[in-house]
Amino acid sequence: MDLKLIKSKDIKDLQKQINELNETNMSLQEKWLFPEEAAEFLDVSLRTLLRMRSRGDLAYSKIGQKVRYKQSDLIKCFNKHYFSVDNIKKK
């Protein structure tokens, strides 16, 4: 029987590679929204969406003249502006 030992460094490298592949796969499965869909999702006007984008509040992708927004980034925007009772008491 041929017995081989696996080093913990090799296992960590493999875990890192698996995590990177998972992140890549998740970003490929990400739902991308047109500006009209993103504005509706956030319940804001297109002008407000453009203002948020130009201020750097929203991440976006632009290829040519076409702009798209990741739905997960819009959810992050919601979470960033979330005020819970605990958050208000800290201020």
PDB file of N, CA and C in Angstrom:
ATOM      1  N   MET A   1       0.847  -1.179   0.000  1.00  0.00           N
ATOM      2  CA  MET A   1       0.000   0.000   0.000  1.00  0.00           C
ATOM      3  C   MET A   1       0.888   1.236   0.000  1.00  0.00           C
ATOM      4  N   ASP A   2       0.563   2.162  -0.893  1.00  0.00           N
ATOM      5  CA  ASP A   2       1.328   3.395  -1.027  1.00  0.00           C
ATOM      6  C   ASP A   2       0.627   4.475  -0.211  1.00  0.00           C
ATOM      7  N   LEU A   3       1.250   4.915   0.855  1.00  0.00           N
ATOM      8  CA  LEU A   3       0.662   5.890   1.767  1.00  0.00           C
ATOM      9  C   LEU A   3       1.312   7.253   1.553  1.00  0.00           C
ATOM     10  N   LYS A   4       0.468   8.285   1.352  1.00  0.00           N
ATOM     11  CA  LYS A   4       0.983   9.643   1.172  1.00  0.00           C
ATOM     12  C   LYS A   4       0.400  10.534   2.245  1.00  0.00           C
ATOM     13  N   LEU A   5       1.214  11.433   2.745  1.00  0.00           N
ATOM     14  CA  LEU A   5       0.766  12.376   3.750  1.00  0.00           C
ATOM     15  C   LEU A   5       0.395  13.702   3.096  1.00  0.00           C
ATOM     16  N   ILE A   6      -0.646  14.300   3.608  1.00  0.00           N
ATOM     17  CA  ILE A   6      -1.067  15.609   3.103  1.00  0.00           C
ATOM     18  C   ILE A   6      -0.711  16.644   4.167  1.00  0.00           C
ATOM     19  N   LYS A   7       0.000  17.660   3.751  1.00  0.00           N
ATOM     20  CA  LYS A   7       0.412  18.711   4.678  1.00  0.00           C
ATOM     21  C   LYS A   7      -0.748  19.663   4.926  1.00  0.00           C
ATOM     22  N   SER A   8      -0.782  20.233   6.107  1.00  0.00           N
ATOM     23  CA  SER A   8      -1.866  21.166   6.437  1.00  0.00           C
ATOM     24  C   SER A   8      -1.821  22.398   5.529  1.00  0.00           C
ATOM     25  N   LYS A   9      -0.638  22.795   5.084  1.00  0.00           N
ATOM     26  CA  LYS A   9      -0.521  23.925   4.154  1.00  0.00           C
ATOM     27  C   LYS A   9      -1.219  23.604   2.833  1.00  0.00           C
ATOM     28  N   ASP A  10      -1.066  22.359   2.374  1.00  0.00           N
ATOM     29  CA  ASP A  10      -1.726  21.947   1.133  1.00  0.00           C
ATOM     30  C   ASP A  10      -3.243  21.968   1.280  1.00  0.00           C
ATOM     31  N   ILE A  11      -3.719  21.557   2.431  1.00  0.00           N
ATOM     32  CA  ILE A  11      -5.161  21.567   2.692  1.00  0.00           C
ATOM     33  C   ILE A  11      -5.673  23.002   2.712  1.00  0.00           C
ATOM     34  N   LYS A  12      -4.942  23.910   3.341  1.00  0.00           N
ATOM     35  CA  LYS A  12      -5.347  25.317   3.393  1.00  0.00           C
ATOM     36  C   LYS A  12      -5.352  25.936   1.998  1.00  0.00           C
ATOM     37  N   ASP A  13      -4.354  25.595   1.188  1.00  0.00           N
ATOM     38  CA  ASP A  13      -4.311  26.095  -0.191  1.00  0.00           C
ATOM     39  C   ASP A  13      -5.508  25.586  -0.987  1.00  0.00           C
ATOM     40  N   LEU A  14      -5.848  24.328  -0.792  1.00  0.00           N
ATOM     41  CA  LEU A  14      -6.997  23.751  -1.481  1.00  0.00           C
ATOM     42  C   LEU A  14      -8.297  24.426  -1.033  1.00  0.00           C
ATOM     43  N   GLN A  15      -8.430  24.678   0.265  1.00  0.00           N
ATOM     44  CA  GLN A  15      -9.620  25.373   0.778  1.00  0.00           C
ATOM     45  C   GLN A  15      -9.730  26.779   0.182  1.00  0.00           C
ATOM     46  N   LYS A  16      -8.603  27.455   0.075  1.00  0.00           N
ATOM     47  CA  LYS A  16      -8.592  28.796  -0.502  1.00  0.00           C
ATOM     48  C   LYS A  16      -9.049  28.757  -1.956  1.00  0.00           C
ATOM     49  N   GLN A  17      -8.544  27.787  -2.712  1.00  0.00           N
ATOM     50  CA  GLN A  17      -8.930  27.662  -4.117  1.00  0.00           C
ATOM     51  C   GLN A  17     -10.417  27.340  -4.256  1.00  0.00           C
ATOM     52  N   ILE A  18     -10.943  26.491  -3.389  1.00  0.00           N
ATOM     53  CA  ILE A  18     -12.370  26.156  -3.417  1.00  0.00           C
ATOM     54  C   ILE A  18     -13.201  27.389  -3.110  1.00  0.00           C
ATOM     55  N   ASN A  19     -12.793  28.171  -2.110  1.00  0.00           N
ATOM     56  CA  ASN A  19     -13.522  29.392  -1.765  1.00  0.00           C
ATOM     57  C   ASN A  19     -13.527  30.384  -2.922  1.00  0.00           C
ATOM     58  N   GLU A  20     -12.394  30.529  -3.598  1.00  0.00           N
ATOM     59  CA  GLU A  20     -12.316  31.435  -4.742  1.00  0.00           C
ATOM     60  C   GLU A  20     -13.233  30.970  -5.875  1.00  0.00           C
ATOM     61  N   LEU A  21     -13.279  29.666  -6.113  1.00  0.00           N
ATOM     62  CA  LEU A  21     -14.177  29.130  -7.136  1.00  0.00           C
ATOM     63  C   LEU A  21     -15.639  29.355  -6.764  1.00  0.00           C
ATOM     64  N   ASN A  22     -15.970  29.184  -5.498  1.00  0.00           N
ATOM     65  CA  ASN A  22     -17.342  29.423  -5.040  1.00  0.00           C
ATOM     66  C   ASN A  22     -17.734  30.881  -5.225  1.00  0.00           C
ATOM     67  N   GLU A  23     -16.826  31.798  -4.892  1.00  0.00           N
ATOM     68  CA  GLU A  23     -17.113  33.226  -5.061  1.00  0.00           C
ATOM     69  C   GLU A  23     -17.323  33.570  -6.526  1.00  0.00           C
ATOM     70  N   THR A  24     -16.481  33.000  -7.394  1.00  0.00           N
ATOM     71  CA  THR A  24     -16.619  33.239  -8.827  1.00  0.00           C
ATOM     72  C   THR A  24     -17.947  32.694  -9.324  1.00  0.00           C
ATOM     73  N   ASN A  25     -18.299  31.502  -8.883  1.00  0.00           N
ATOM     74  CA  ASN A  25     -19.556  30.884  -9.296  1.00  0.00           C
ATOM     75  C   ASN A  25     -20.749  31.708  -8.804  1.00  0.00           C
ATOM     76  N   MET A  26     -20.681  32.205  -7.586  1.00  0.00           N
ATOM     77  CA  MET A  26     -21.778  33.011  -7.045  1.00  0.00           C
ATOM     78  C   MET A  26     -21.934  34.300  -7.833  1.00  0.00           C
ATOM     79  N   SER A  27     -20.823  34.934  -8.204  1.00  0.00           N
ATOM     80  CA  SER A  27     -20.926  36.186  -8.950  1.00  0.00           C
ATOM     81  C   SER A  27     -21.462  35.954 -10.360  1.00  0.00           C
ATOM     82  N   LEU A  28     -21.199  34.779 -10.918  1.00  0.00           N
ATOM     83  CA  LEU A  28     -21.744  34.470 -12.238  1.00  0.00           C
ATOM     84  C   LEU A  28     -23.247  34.215 -12.172  1.00  0.00           C
ATOM     85  N   GLN A  29     -23.730  33.725 -11.036  1.00  0.00           N
ATOM     86  CA  GLN A  29     -25.150  33.450 -10.869  1.00  0.00           C
ATOM     87  C   GLN A  29     -25.911  34.675 -10.374  1.00  0.00           C
ATOM     88  N   GLU A  30     -25.192  35.716 -10.069  1.00  0.00           N
ATOM     89  CA  GLU A  30     -25.786  36.945  -9.547  1.00  0.00           C
ATOM     90  C   GLU A  30     -26.826  37.507 -10.503  1.00  0.00           C
ATOM     91  N   LYS A  31     -27.903  38.036  -9.950  1.00  0.00           N
ATOM     92  CA  LYS A  31     -28.925  38.662 -10.779  1.00  0.00           C
ATOM     93  C   LYS A  31     -28.539  40.121 -11.015  1.00  0.00           C
ATOM     94  N   TRP A  32     -28.469  40.506 -12.288  1.00  0.00           N
ATOM     95  CA  TRP A  32     -28.140  41.866 -12.682  1.00  0.00           C
ATOM     96  C   TRP A  32     -29.413  42.571 -13.123  1.00  0.00           C
ATOM     97  N   LEU A  33     -29.585  43.811 -12.684  1.00  0.00           N
ATOM     98  CA  LEU A  33     -30.798  44.558 -12.968  1.00  0.00           C
ATOM     99  C   LEU A  33     -30.511  45.765 -13.855  1.00  0.00           C
ATOM    100  N   PHE A  34     -31.449  46.063 -14.748  1.00  0.00           N
ATOM    101  CA  PHE A  34     -31.402  47.293 -15.530  1.00  0.00           C
ATOM    102  C   PHE A  34     -31.688  48.463 -14.587  1.00  0.00           C
ATOM    103  N   PRO A  35     -31.316  49.689 -14.966  1.00  0.00           N
ATOM    104  CA  PRO A  35     -31.577  50.840 -14.090  1.00  0.00           C
ATOM    105  C   PRO A  35     -33.048  50.964 -13.675  1.00  0.00           C
ATOM    106  N   GLU A  36     -33.965  50.741 -14.593  1.00  0.00           N
ATOM    107  CA  GLU A  36     -35.387  50.839 -14.244  1.00  0.00           C
ATOM    108  C   GLU A  36     -35.773  49.811 -13.181  1.00  0.00           C
ATOM    109  N   GLU A  37     -35.234  48.601 -13.309  1.00  0.00           N
ATOM    110  CA  GLU A  37     -35.513  47.548 -12.324  1.00  0.00           C
ATOM    111  C   GLU A  37     -34.877  47.876 -10.978  1.00  0.00           C
ATOM    112  N   ALA A  38     -33.658  48.412 -11.012  1.00  0.00           N
ATOM    113  CA  ALA A  38     -32.963  48.771  -9.777  1.00  0.00           C
ATOM    114  C   ALA A  38     -33.699  49.892  -9.051  1.00  0.00           C
ATOM    115  N   ALA A  39     -34.159  50.897  -9.804  1.00  0.00           N
ATOM    116  CA  ALA A  39     -34.900  52.005  -9.205  1.00  0.00           C
ATOM    117  C   ALA A  39     -36.197  51.493  -8.577  1.00  0.00           C
ATOM    118  N   GLU A  40     -36.864  50.599  -9.269  1.00  0.00           N
ATOM    119  CA  GLU A  40     -38.098  50.024  -8.725  1.00  0.00           C
ATOM    120  C   GLU A  40     -37.801  49.196  -7.480  1.00  0.00           C
ATOM    121  N   PHE A  41     -36.712  48.431  -7.514  1.00  0.00           N
ATOM    122  CA  PHE A  41     -36.323  47.608  -6.371  1.00  0.00           C
ATOM    123  C   PHE A  41     -36.074  48.477  -5.136  1.00  0.00           C
ATOM    124  N   LEU A  42     -35.397  49.610  -5.337  1.00  0.00           N
ATOM    125  CA  LEU A  42     -35.099  50.520  -4.227  1.00  0.00           C
ATOM    126  C   LEU A  42     -36.258  51.471  -3.924  1.00  0.00           C
ATOM    127  N   ASP A  43     -37.259  51.487  -4.801  1.00  0.00           N
ATOM    128  CA  ASP A  43     -38.405  52.384  -4.678  1.00  0.00           C
ATOM    129  C   ASP A  43     -37.962  53.846  -4.713  1.00  0.00           C
ATOM    130  N   VAL A  44     -37.115  54.152  -5.689  1.00  0.00           N
ATOM    131  CA  VAL A  44     -36.639  55.526  -5.915  1.00  0.00           C
ATOM    132  C   VAL A  44     -36.800  55.848  -7.402  1.00  0.00           C
ATOM    133  N   SER A  45     -36.673  57.109  -7.741  1.00  0.00           N
ATOM    134  CA  SER A  45     -36.741  57.507  -9.144  1.00  0.00           C
ATOM    135  C   SER A  45     -35.426  57.164  -9.841  1.00  0.00           C
ATOM    136  N   LEU A  46     -35.478  57.169 -11.166  1.00  0.00           N
ATOM    137  CA  LEU A  46     -34.246  56.943 -11.935  1.00  0.00           C
ATOM    138  C   LEU A  46     -33.217  58.025 -11.630  1.00  0.00           C
ATOM    139  N   ARG A  47     -33.671  59.252 -11.461  1.00  0.00           N
ATOM    140  CA  ARG A  47     -32.768  60.371 -11.154  1.00  0.00           C
ATOM    141  C   ARG A  47     -32.066  60.143  -9.809  1.00  0.00           C
ATOM    142  N   THR A  48     -32.816  59.684  -8.820  1.00  0.00           N
ATOM    143  CA  THR A  48     -32.208  59.391  -7.511  1.00  0.00           C
ATOM    144  C   THR A  48     -31.208  58.257  -7.632  1.00  0.00           C
ATOM    145  N   LEU A  49     -31.545  57.247  -8.418  1.00  0.00           N
ATOM    146  CA  LEU A  49     -30.618  56.129  -8.635  1.00  0.00           C
ATOM    147  C   LEU A  49     -29.321  56.627  -9.268  1.00  0.00           C
ATOM    148  N   LEU A  50     -29.442  57.495 -10.277  1.00  0.00           N
ATOM    149  CA  LEU A  50     -28.262  58.067 -10.929  1.00  0.00           C
ATOM    150  C   LEU A  50     -27.437  58.888  -9.938  1.00  0.00           C
ATOM    151  N   ARG A  51     -28.102  59.659  -9.105  1.00  0.00           N
ATOM    152  CA  ARG A  51     -27.411  60.463  -8.093  1.00  0.00           C
ATOM    153  C   ARG A  51     -26.661  59.562  -7.112  1.00  0.00           C
ATOM    154  N   MET A  52     -27.303  58.488  -6.678  1.00  0.00           N
ATOM    155  CA  MET A  52     -26.655  57.552  -5.748  1.00  0.00           C
ATOM    156  C   MET A  52     -25.425  56.921  -6.396  1.00  0.00           C
ATOM    157  N   ARG A  53     -25.557  56.586  -7.683  1.00  0.00           N
ATOM    158  CA  ARG A  53     -24.429  55.987  -8.405  1.00  0.00           C
ATOM    159  C   ARG A  53     -23.285  56.979  -8.541  1.00  0.00           C
ATOM    160  N   SER A  54     -23.602  58.226  -8.899  1.00  0.00           N
ATOM    161  CA  SER A  54     -22.540  59.215  -9.115  1.00  0.00           C
ATOM    162  C   SER A  54     -21.858  59.613  -7.810  1.00  0.00           C
ATOM    163  N   ARG A  55     -22.565  59.516  -6.684  1.00  0.00           N
ATOM    164  CA  ARG A  55     -21.953  59.795  -5.379  1.00  0.00           C
ATOM    165  C   ARG A  55     -21.107  58.626  -4.883  1.00  0.00           C
ATOM    166  N   GLY A  56     -21.228  57.490  -5.551  1.00  0.00           N
ATOM    167  CA  GLY A  56     -20.464  56.317  -5.122  1.00  0.00           C
ATOM    168  C   GLY A  56     -21.195  55.478  -4.104  1.00  0.00           C
ATOM    169  N   ASP A  57     -22.493  55.717  -3.922  1.00  0.00           N
ATOM    170  CA  ASP A  57     -23.277  54.937  -2.964  1.00  0.00           C
ATOM    171  C   ASP A  57     -23.640  53.560  -3.509  1.00  0.00           C
ATOM    172  N   LEU A  58     -23.637  53.412  -4.827  1.00  0.00           N
ATOM    173  CA  LEU A  58     -24.016  52.146  -5.459  1.00  0.00           C
ATOM    174  C   LEU A  58     -22.940  51.686  -6.427  1.00  0.00           C
ATOM    175  N   ALA A  59     -22.604  50.415  -6.337  1.00  0.00           N
ATOM    176  CA  ALA A  59     -21.700  49.818  -7.316  1.00  0.00           C
ATOM    177  C   ALA A  59     -22.496  49.495  -8.570  1.00  0.00           C
ATOM    178  N   TYR A  60     -21.842  49.501  -9.696  1.00  0.00           N
ATOM    179  CA  TYR A  60     -22.516  49.204 -10.959  1.00  0.00           C
ATOM    180  C   TYR A  60     -21.507  48.704 -11.973  1.00  0.00           C
ATOM    181  N   SER A  61     -22.025  48.171 -13.052  1.00  0.00           N
ATOM    182  CA  SER A  61     -21.187  47.725 -14.159  1.00  0.00           C
ATOM    183  C   SER A  61     -21.663  48.447 -15.411  1.00  0.00           C
ATOM    184  N   LYS A  62     -20.720  48.901 -16.210  1.00  0.00           N
ATOM    185  CA  LYS A  62     -21.075  49.609 -17.431  1.00  0.00           C
ATOM    186  C   LYS A  62     -20.256  49.051 -18.580  1.00  0.00           C
ATOM    187  N   ILE A  63     -20.967  48.556 -19.583  1.00  0.00           N
ATOM    188  CA  ILE A  63     -20.328  48.073 -20.798  1.00  0.00           C
ATOM    189  C   ILE A  63     -20.935  48.870 -21.935  1.00  0.00           C
ATOM    190  N   GLY A  64     -20.117  49.657 -22.588  1.00  0.00           N
ATOM    191  CA  GLY A  64     -20.639  50.577 -23.600  1.00  0.00           C
ATOM    192  C   GLY A  64     -21.508  51.608 -22.904  1.00  0.00           C
ATOM    193  N   GLN A  65     -22.737  51.737 -23.348  1.00  0.00           N
ATOM    194  CA  GLN A  65     -23.675  52.674 -22.715  1.00  0.00           C
ATOM    195  C   GLN A  65     -24.650  51.966 -21.782  1.00  0.00           C
ATOM    196  N   LYS A  66     -24.501  50.652 -21.613  1.00  0.00           N
ATOM    197  CA  LYS A  66     -25.429  49.854 -20.814  1.00  0.00           C
ATOM    198  C   LYS A  66     -24.937  49.742 -19.374  1.00  0.00           C
ATOM    199  N   VAL A  67     -25.794  50.143 -18.441  1.00  0.00           N
ATOM    200  CA  VAL A  67     -25.473  50.074 -17.012  1.00  0.00           C
ATOM    201  C   VAL A  67     -26.318  48.982 -16.373  1.00  0.00           C
ATOM    202  N   ARG A  68     -25.706  48.214 -15.473  1.00  0.00           N
ATOM    203  CA  ARG A  68     -26.414  47.173 -14.731  1.00  0.00           C
ATOM    204  C   ARG A  68     -26.002  47.246 -13.269  1.00  0.00           C
ATOM    205  N   TYR A  69     -26.896  46.798 -12.405  1.00  0.00           N
ATOM    206  CA  TYR A  69     -26.657  46.778 -10.962  1.00  0.00           C
ATOM    207  C   TYR A  69     -26.857  45.358 -10.444  1.00  0.00           C
ATOM    208  N   LYS A  70     -25.975  44.931  -9.537  1.00  0.00           N
ATOM    209  CA  LYS A  70     -26.157  43.633  -8.886  1.00  0.00           C
ATOM    210  C   LYS A  70     -27.250  43.777  -7.845  1.00  0.00           C
ATOM    211  N   GLN A  71     -28.135  42.821  -7.808  1.00  0.00           N
ATOM    212  CA  GLN A  71     -29.208  42.868  -6.812  1.00  0.00           C
ATOM    213  C   GLN A  71     -28.620  42.809  -5.399  1.00  0.00           C
ATOM    214  N   SER A  72     -27.558  42.047  -5.209  1.00  0.00           N
ATOM    215  CA  SER A  72     -26.950  41.952  -3.875  1.00  0.00           C
ATOM    216  C   SER A  72     -26.375  43.297  -3.424  1.00  0.00           C
ATOM    217  N   ASP A  73     -25.890  44.119  -4.371  1.00  0.00           N
ATOM    218  CA  ASP A  73     -25.391  45.449  -4.018  1.00  0.00           C
ATOM    219  C   ASP A  73     -26.535  46.367  -3.588  1.00  0.00           C
ATOM    220  N   LEU A  74     -27.694  46.191  -4.208  1.00  0.00           N
ATOM    221  CA  LEU A  74     -28.862  46.983  -3.807  1.00  0.00           C
ATOM    222  C   LEU A  74     -29.316  46.592  -2.405  1.00  0.00           C
ATOM    223  N   ILE A  75     -29.236  45.306  -2.100  1.00  0.00           N
ATOM    224  CA  ILE A  75     -29.584  44.843  -0.758  1.00  0.00           C
ATOM    225  C   ILE A  75     -28.587  45.395   0.254  1.00  0.00           C
ATOM    226  N   LYS A  76     -27.305  45.435  -0.115  1.00  0.00           N
ATOM    227  CA  LYS A  76     -26.294  46.028   0.767  1.00  0.00           C
ATOM    228  C   LYS A  76     -26.606  47.493   1.033  1.00  0.00           C
ATOM    229  N   CYS A  77     -27.097  48.187   0.007  1.00  0.00           N
ATOM    230  CA  CYS A  77     -27.475  49.591   0.167  1.00  0.00           C
ATOM    231  C   CYS A  77     -28.601  49.717   1.192  1.00  0.00           C
ATOM    232  N   PHE A  78     -29.590  48.834   1.093  1.00  0.00           N
ATOM    233  CA  PHE A  78     -30.666  48.820   2.089  1.00  0.00           C
ATOM    234  C   PHE A  78     -30.093  48.600   3.486  1.00  0.00           C
ATOM    235  N   ASN A  79     -29.231  47.612   3.622  1.00  0.00           N
ATOM    236  CA  ASN A  79     -28.661  47.290   4.934  1.00  0.00           C
ATOM    237  C   ASN A  79     -27.816  48.430   5.482  1.00  0.00           C
ATOM    238  N   LYS A  80     -27.127  49.134   4.600  1.00  0.00           N
ATOM    239  CA  LYS A  80     -26.289  50.262   5.023  1.00  0.00           C
ATOM    240  C   LYS A  80     -27.139  51.382   5.620  1.00  0.00           C
ATOM    241  N   HIS A  81     -28.336  51.537   5.119  1.00  0.00           N
ATOM    242  CA  HIS A  81     -29.225  52.601   5.586  1.00  0.00           C
ATOM    243  C   HIS A  81     -30.285  52.104   6.564  1.00  0.00           C
ATOM    244  N   TYR A  82     -30.039  50.930   7.143  1.00  0.00           N
ATOM    245  CA  TYR A  82     -30.992  50.329   8.074  1.00  0.00           C
ATOM    246  C   TYR A  82     -30.783  50.898   9.471  1.00  0.00           C
ATOM    247  N   PHE A  83     -31.856  51.339  10.067  1.00  0.00           N
ATOM    248  CA  PHE A  83     -31.808  51.867  11.431  1.00  0.00           C
ATOM    249  C   PHE A  83     -32.643  50.975  12.334  1.00  0.00           C
ATOM    250  N   SER A  84     -31.966  50.267  13.210  1.00  0.00           N
ATOM    251  CA  SER A  84     -32.672  49.444  14.183  1.00  0.00           C
ATOM    252  C   SER A  84     -32.691  50.197  15.508  1.00  0.00           C
ATOM    253  N   VAL A  85     -33.448  49.698  16.436  1.00  0.00           N
ATOM    254  CA  VAL A  85     -33.528  50.333  17.754  1.00  0.00           C
ATOM    255  C   VAL A  85     -32.142  50.380  18.386  1.00  0.00           C
ATOM    256  N   ASP A  86     -31.361  49.321  18.225  1.00  0.00           N
ATOM    257  CA  ASP A  86     -30.005  49.280  18.793  1.00  0.00           C
ATOM    258  C   ASP A  86     -29.107  50.328  18.150  1.00  0.00           C
ATOM    259  N   ASN A  87     -29.202  50.507  16.834  1.00  0.00           N
ATOM    260  CA  ASN A  87     -28.382  51.508  16.139  1.00  0.00           C
ATOM    261  C   ASN A  87     -28.716  52.917  16.598  1.00  0.00           C
ATOM    262  N   ILE A  88     -30.008  53.188  16.802  1.00  0.00           N
ATOM    263  CA  ILE A  88     -30.434  54.530  17.191  1.00  0.00           C
ATOM    264  C   ILE A  88     -29.972  54.847  18.608  1.00  0.00           C
ATOM    265  N   LYS A  89     -30.027  53.873  19.517  1.00  0.00           N
ATOM    266  CA  LYS A  89     -29.621  54.083  20.911  1.00  0.00           C
ATOM    267  C   LYS A  89     -28.124  54.397  21.026  1.00  0.00           C
ATOM    268  N   LYS A  90     -27.304  53.831  20.125  1.00  0.00           N
ATOM    269  CA  LYS A  90     -25.860  54.045  20.172  1.00  0.00           C
ATOM    270  C   LYS A  90     -25.472  55.474  19.826  1.00  0.00           C
ATOM    271  N   LYS A  91     -26.308  56.157  19.038  1.00  0.00           N
ATOM    272  CA  LYS A  91     -25.984  57.517  18.616  1.00  0.00           C
ATOM    273  C   LYS A  91     -26.341  58.452  19.672  1.00  0.00           C
TER     274      LYS A  91
END
